[in-house]
Protein backbone atom coordinates (compact mmCIF):
# COMPACT_ATOMS: atom_id res chain seq x y z
CA MET A 1 72.21 -81.14 50.34
CA SER A 2 73.80 -77.97 50.35
CA ALA A 3 74.47 -75.36 47.04
CA LEU A 4 76.77 -72.64 47.35
CA LEU A 5 75.33 -70.39 44.83
CA GLU A 6 78.03 -68.16 43.41
CA HIS A 7 76.26 -65.73 41.70
CA ASP A 8 72.49 -64.66 41.14
CA ALA A 9 70.90 -65.93 37.94
CA PRO A 10 70.87 -62.74 35.33
CA SER A 11 66.64 -62.78 35.74
CA ALA A 12 67.63 -61.72 39.39
CA GLU A 13 69.86 -58.48 38.11
CA PRO A 14 67.96 -55.36 38.43
CA THR A 15 66.59 -54.28 34.97
CA PHE A 16 66.61 -50.45 35.96
CA LEU A 17 68.77 -47.80 37.81
CA VAL A 18 67.54 -45.45 40.26
CA GLN A 19 69.01 -42.54 41.77
CA ARG A 20 68.05 -40.77 43.95
CA ARG A 21 68.64 -36.97 44.28
CA PHE A 22 67.39 -33.83 46.61
CA VAL A 23 65.98 -30.59 45.68
CA THR A 24 64.69 -27.74 48.27
CA VAL A 25 61.79 -25.85 47.28
CA GLY A 26 60.46 -23.08 49.29
CA GLY A 27 62.42 -24.17 52.63
CA VAL A 28 61.89 -27.81 52.10
CA ARG A 29 63.81 -30.27 50.86
CA ARG A 30 62.50 -33.25 48.70
CA VAL A 31 62.96 -36.79 47.69
CA VAL A 32 63.44 -36.93 43.66
CA ARG A 33 64.37 -40.53 42.03
CA LEU A 34 64.96 -40.55 38.81
CA ALA A 35 64.56 -44.21 36.90
CA ARG A 36 65.98 -45.81 33.55
CA PHE A 37 64.59 -48.14 32.00
CA ASP A 38 64.25 -49.85 28.54
CA ALA A 39 61.83 -47.91 27.59
CA GLY A 40 63.06 -44.98 28.67
CA TRP A 41 63.60 -42.84 31.95
CA LEU A 42 60.77 -42.17 35.01
CA ALA A 43 61.03 -39.06 37.44
CA SER A 44 59.31 -39.00 40.48
CA ALA A 45 59.55 -36.10 43.23
CA ASP A 46 57.91 -36.13 46.81
CA THR A 47 55.11 -33.42 47.50
CA PRO A 48 52.59 -33.47 50.56
CA GLU A 49 49.76 -34.60 47.84
CA GLY A 50 52.04 -37.50 46.85
CA PRO A 51 54.40 -38.28 44.09
CA THR A 52 54.55 -36.56 40.75
CA LEU A 53 55.46 -38.62 37.92
CA GLY A 54 57.43 -37.08 34.70
CA ALA A 55 58.36 -40.03 31.97
CA ASP A 56 60.64 -39.48 29.33
CA HIS A 57 63.29 -40.34 26.51
CA SER A 58 65.08 -37.56 27.87
CA PRO A 59 66.38 -38.11 31.57
CA TYR A 60 66.67 -34.17 32.08
CA LEU A 61 62.73 -34.04 30.79
CA ALA A 62 61.81 -36.47 32.51
CA MET A 63 62.87 -34.56 35.90
CA ARG A 64 61.81 -31.46 34.53
CA ARG A 65 57.70 -32.90 34.49
CA ALA A 66 58.05 -34.24 37.50
CA LEU A 67 59.43 -31.33 38.93
CA GLU A 68 57.07 -28.49 36.90
CA PRO A 69 54.49 -28.93 39.51
CA LEU A 70 56.70 -27.71 42.44
CA GLY A 71 57.51 -24.75 39.88
CA VAL A 72 61.38 -26.04 39.49
CA ASP A 73 62.65 -24.58 36.34
CA LEU A 74 64.42 -26.40 33.41
CA VAL A 75 68.02 -25.75 34.57
CA THR A 76 67.15 -26.31 37.88
CA ALA A 77 66.06 -29.70 36.55
CA MET A 78 68.59 -30.50 34.08
CA GLY A 79 71.59 -29.62 36.77
CA LEU A 80 70.17 -32.31 39.74
CA VAL A 81 70.38 -35.04 36.76
CA GLY A 82 73.90 -34.09 36.17
CA THR A 83 76.45 -36.22 33.61
CA LEU A 84 74.96 -39.81 33.21
């Protein structure tokens, strides 16, 4: 017997949304990610030592915290988030 599934179950739907952006620091283009969860936002940036992490209820502050170790200022971090 075969069944045709037209829709995934609600539990199969992702509960978060991940956005990728890029920032250039010291001439090196780096990937930054911003993910929304029910409890807030998580941001990360790739570095040679591994990813940085920033968490907050605000996407702008989460991005700022993730980029702070790279020396990226708040205005640049806010621009990467943009309007959601």
